[in-house]
PDB file of N, CA and C in Angstrom:
ATOM      1  N   MET A   1      18.731  10.896 -25.263  1.00  0.00           N
ATOM      2  CA  MET A   1      17.703  11.327 -24.147  1.00  0.00           C
ATOM      3  C   MET A   1      17.623  10.063 -23.183  1.00  0.00           C
ATOM      4  N   LEU A   2      17.598   8.918 -23.555  1.00  0.00           N
ATOM      5  CA  LEU A   2      17.226   7.773 -22.984  1.00  0.00           C
ATOM      6  C   LEU A   2      18.509   7.469 -22.148  1.00  0.00           C
ATOM      7  N   GLY A   3      19.857   7.690 -22.401  1.00  0.00           N
ATOM      8  CA  GLY A   3      20.823   7.665 -21.807  1.00  0.00           C
ATOM      9  C   GLY A   3      21.029   8.688 -20.670  1.00  0.00           C
ATOM     10  N   TRP A   4      20.572   9.671 -20.994  1.00  0.00           N
ATOM     11  CA  TRP A   4      20.681  10.850 -19.973  1.00  0.00           C
ATOM     12  C   TRP A   4      19.644  10.379 -18.774  1.00  0.00           C
ATOM     13  N   HIS A   5      18.630  10.177 -18.950  1.00  0.00           N
ATOM     14  CA  HIS A   5      17.491   9.901 -18.036  1.00  0.00           C
ATOM     15  C   HIS A   5      18.023   8.606 -17.111  1.00  0.00           C
ATOM     16  N   LYS A   6      18.614   7.434 -17.946  1.00  0.00           N
ATOM     17  CA  LYS A   6      19.222   6.241 -17.331  1.00  0.00           C
ATOM     18  C   LYS A   6      20.295   6.790 -16.369  1.00  0.00           C
ATOM     19  N   ASN A   7      21.014   7.766 -16.689  1.00  0.00           N
ATOM     20  CA  ASN A   7      22.504   8.268 -15.827  1.00  0.00           C
ATOM     21  C   ASN A   7      21.793   9.065 -14.708  1.00  0.00           C
ATOM     22  N   LEU A   8      20.637   9.574 -14.970  1.00  0.00           N
ATOM     23  CA  LEU A   8      20.325  10.378 -13.801  1.00  0.00           C
ATOM     24  C   LEU A   8      19.577   9.469 -12.720  1.00  0.00           C
ATOM     25  N   LEU A   9      19.009   8.617 -13.149  1.00  0.00           N
ATOM     26  CA  LEU A   9      18.144   7.523 -12.361  1.00  0.00           C
ATOM     27  C   LEU A   9      19.356   6.867 -11.274  1.00  0.00           C
ATOM     28  N   VAL A  10      20.421   6.631 -12.147  1.00  0.00           N
ATOM     29  CA  VAL A  10      21.401   5.925 -11.337  1.00  0.00           C
ATOM     30  C   VAL A  10      22.288   6.851 -10.405  1.00  0.00           C
ATOM     31  N   ARG A  11      22.444   7.977 -10.745  1.00  0.00           N
ATOM     32  CA  ARG A  11      23.065   9.122  -9.809  1.00  0.00           C
ATOM     33  C   ARG A  11      21.947   9.304  -8.717  1.00  0.00           C
ATOM     34  N   ILE A  12      21.030   9.445  -8.794  1.00  0.00           N
ATOM     35  CA  ILE A  12      19.792   9.759  -7.698  1.00  0.00           C
ATOM     36  C   ILE A  12      19.800   8.412  -6.853  1.00  0.00           C
ATOM     37  N   ARG A  13      19.638   7.223  -7.511  1.00  0.00           N
ATOM     38  CA  ARG A  13      19.788   6.119  -6.515  1.00  0.00           C
ATOM     39  C   ARG A  13      20.719   6.103  -5.690  1.00  0.00           C
ATOM     40  N   ASP A  14      21.988   6.243  -6.365  1.00  0.00           N
ATOM     41  CA  ASP A  14      23.301   6.066  -5.377  1.00  0.00           C
ATOM     42  C   ASP A  14      23.434   7.101  -4.307  1.00  0.00           C
ATOM     43  N   GLU A  15      22.860   8.467  -4.714  1.00  0.00           N
ATOM     44  CA  GLU A  15      22.938   9.389  -3.799  1.00  0.00           C
ATOM     45  C   GLU A  15      22.300   9.249  -2.503  1.00  0.00           C
ATOM     46  N   MET A  16      20.704   8.604  -2.772  1.00  0.00           N
ATOM     47  CA  MET A  16      19.832   8.248  -1.717  1.00  0.00           C
ATOM     48  C   MET A  16      20.229   6.811  -1.180  1.00  0.00           C
ATOM     49  N   GLY A  17      21.001   6.121  -1.558  1.00  0.00           N
ATOM     50  CA  GLY A  17      21.559   4.888  -1.086  1.00  0.00           C
ATOM     51  C   GLY A  17      20.445   3.800  -1.171  1.00  0.00           C
ATOM     52  N   ILE A  18      19.316   4.009  -2.273  1.00  0.00           N
ATOM     53  CA  ILE A  18      18.519   2.852  -2.284  1.00  0.00           C
ATOM     54  C   ILE A  18      18.653   1.914  -3.483  1.00  0.00           C
ATOM     55  N   SER A  19      18.036   0.796  -3.268  1.00  0.00           N
ATOM     56  CA  SER A  19      18.390  -0.215  -4.400  1.00  0.00           C
ATOM     57  C   SER A  19      17.405   0.255  -5.552  1.00  0.00           C
ATOM     58  N   THR A  20      17.649  -0.556  -6.810  1.00  0.00           N
ATOM     59  CA  THR A  20      16.671  -0.369  -7.910  1.00  0.00           C
ATOM     60  C   THR A  20      15.139  -1.059  -7.618  1.00  0.00           C
ATOM     61  N   TYR A  21      15.215  -1.859  -6.714  1.00  0.00           N
ATOM     62  CA  TYR A  21      13.892  -2.761  -6.355  1.00  0.00           C
ATOM     63  C   TYR A  21      13.185  -1.639  -5.566  1.00  0.00           C
ATOM     64  N   THR A  22      13.712  -0.781  -4.648  1.00  0.00           N
ATOM     65  CA  THR A  22      12.985   0.294  -3.894  1.00  0.00           C
ATOM     66  C   THR A  22      12.631   1.370  -4.806  1.00  0.00           C
ATOM     67  N   LEU A  23      13.321   1.701  -5.772  1.00  0.00           N
ATOM     68  CA  LEU A  23      13.095   2.827  -6.578  1.00  0.00           C
ATOM     69  C   LEU A  23      11.732   2.426  -7.406  1.00  0.00           C
ATOM     70  N   THR A  24      11.679   1.159  -7.829  1.00  0.00           N
ATOM     71  CA  THR A  24      10.809   0.577  -8.687  1.00  0.00           C
ATOM     72  C   THR A  24       9.580   0.566  -7.833  1.00  0.00           C
ATOM     73  N   TRP A  25       9.493   0.353  -6.641  1.00  0.00           N
ATOM     74  CA  TRP A  25       8.375   0.204  -5.722  1.00  0.00           C
ATOM     75  C   TRP A  25       7.917   1.620  -5.611  1.00  0.00           C
ATOM     76  N   LEU A  26       8.661   2.878  -5.364  1.00  0.00           N
ATOM     77  CA  LEU A  26       8.555   4.172  -5.123  1.00  0.00           C
ATOM     78  C   LEU A  26       7.865   4.752  -6.388  1.00  0.00           C
ATOM     79  N   ALA A  27       8.423   4.200  -7.689  1.00  0.00           N
ATOM     80  CA  ALA A  27       7.575   4.881  -8.942  1.00  0.00           C
ATOM     81  C   ALA A  27       6.211   4.093  -8.840  1.00  0.00           C
ATOM     82  N   PHE A  28       6.101   3.047  -8.681  1.00  0.00           N
ATOM     83  CA  PHE A  28       4.722   2.351  -8.405  1.00  0.00           C
ATOM     84  C   PHE A  28       3.691   2.844  -7.656  1.00  0.00           C
ATOM     85  N   ILE A  29       4.348   3.400  -6.292  1.00  0.00           N
ATOM     86  CA  ILE A  29       3.437   3.891  -5.283  1.00  0.00           C
ATOM     87  C   ILE A  29       3.003   5.619  -5.978  1.00  0.00           C
ATOM     88  N   LYS A  30       3.989   5.993  -6.329  1.00  0.00           N
ATOM     89  CA  LYS A  30       3.510   7.425  -7.044  1.00  0.00           C
ATOM     90  C   LYS A  30       2.796   7.499  -8.174  1.00  0.00           C
ATOM     91  N   GLY A  31       2.861   6.597  -9.130  1.00  0.00           N
ATOM     92  CA  GLY A  31       1.889   6.523 -10.094  1.00  0.00           C
ATOM     93  C   GLY A  31       0.455   6.100  -9.710  1.00  0.00           C
ATOM     94  N   LEU A  32       0.440   5.365  -8.560  1.00  0.00           N
ATOM     95  CA  LEU A  32      -0.846   4.817  -7.789  1.00  0.00           C
ATOM     96  C   LEU A  32      -1.567   6.374  -7.442  1.00  0.00           C
ATOM     97  N   GLY A  33      -0.703   6.860  -6.775  1.00  0.00           N
ATOM     98  CA  GLY A  33      -1.410   8.001  -6.053  1.00  0.00           C
ATOM     99  C   GLY A  33      -1.765   8.892  -7.127  1.00  0.00           C
ATOM    100  N   PHE A  34      -1.032   9.347  -8.032  1.00  0.00           N
ATOM    101  CA  PHE A  34      -1.369  10.166  -9.067  1.00  0.00           C
ATOM    102  C   PHE A  34      -2.722   9.507  -9.670  1.00  0.00           C
ATOM    103  N   GLY A  35      -2.813   8.624  -9.983  1.00  0.00           N
ATOM    104  CA  GLY A  35      -3.795   8.006 -10.691  1.00  0.00           C
ATOM    105  C   GLY A  35      -5.030   8.054  -9.808  1.00  0.00           C
ATOM    106  N   LEU A  36      -4.889   7.575  -8.549  1.00  0.00           N
ATOM    107  CA  LEU A  36      -6.378   7.833  -7.653  1.00  0.00           C
ATOM    108  C   LEU A  36      -6.725   9.359  -7.607  1.00  0.00           C
ATOM    109  N   LEU A  37      -5.650  10.303  -7.487  1.00  0.00           N
ATOM    110  CA  LEU A  37      -5.983  11.748  -7.406  1.00  0.00           C
ATOM    111  C   LEU A  37      -6.880  12.061  -8.839  1.00  0.00           C
ATOM    112  N   ILE A  38      -6.318  11.840  -9.858  1.00  0.00           N
ATOM    113  CA  ILE A  38      -6.973  12.108 -11.169  1.00  0.00           C
ATOM    114  C   ILE A  38      -8.256  11.569 -11.140  1.00  0.00           C
ATOM    115  N   TYR A  39      -8.358  10.212 -10.754  1.00  0.00           N
ATOM    116  CA  TYR A  39      -9.748   9.463 -10.702  1.00  0.00           C
ATOM    117  C   TYR A  39     -10.557  10.459  -9.834  1.00  0.00           C
ATOM    118  N   HIS A  40     -10.153  10.799  -8.542  1.00  0.00           N
ATOM    119  CA  HIS A  40     -11.122  11.456  -7.696  1.00  0.00           C
ATOM    120  C   HIS A  40     -11.485  12.652  -8.226  1.00  0.00           C
ATOM    121  N   PHE A  41     -10.558  13.437  -8.643  1.00  0.00           N
ATOM    122  CA  PHE A  41     -10.955  14.780  -9.029  1.00  0.00           C
ATOM    123  C   PHE A  41     -11.534  15.345 -10.537  1.00  0.00           C
ATOM    124  N   PHE A  42     -11.364  14.106 -11.377  1.00  0.00           N
ATOM    125  CA  PHE A  42     -11.533  14.340 -12.775  1.00  0.00           C
ATOM    126  C   PHE A  42     -12.507  13.397 -13.379  1.00  0.00           C
ATOM    127  N   ILE A  43     -12.456  12.059 -12.628  1.00  0.00           N
ATOM    128  CA  ILE A  43     -13.556  10.961 -13.430  1.00  0.00           C
ATOM    129  C   ILE A  43     -15.069  11.080 -12.198  1.00  0.00           C
ATOM    130  N   SER A  44     -14.615  10.700 -11.268  1.00  0.00           N
ATOM    131  CA  SER A  44     -15.761  10.461 -10.323  1.00  0.00           C
ATOM    132  C   SER A  44     -16.539  11.813  -9.815  1.00  0.00           C
TER     133      SER A  44
END
């Protein structure tokens, strides 16, 4: 399962033409956004 996910990420990254660094930032920003939405709607 881990190998499948790694290959999927490499394929998507190559198709989009972005670096691993950019992909990491996108994942961070997405997680931050979801975290803020959860906080806004469920916690506060």
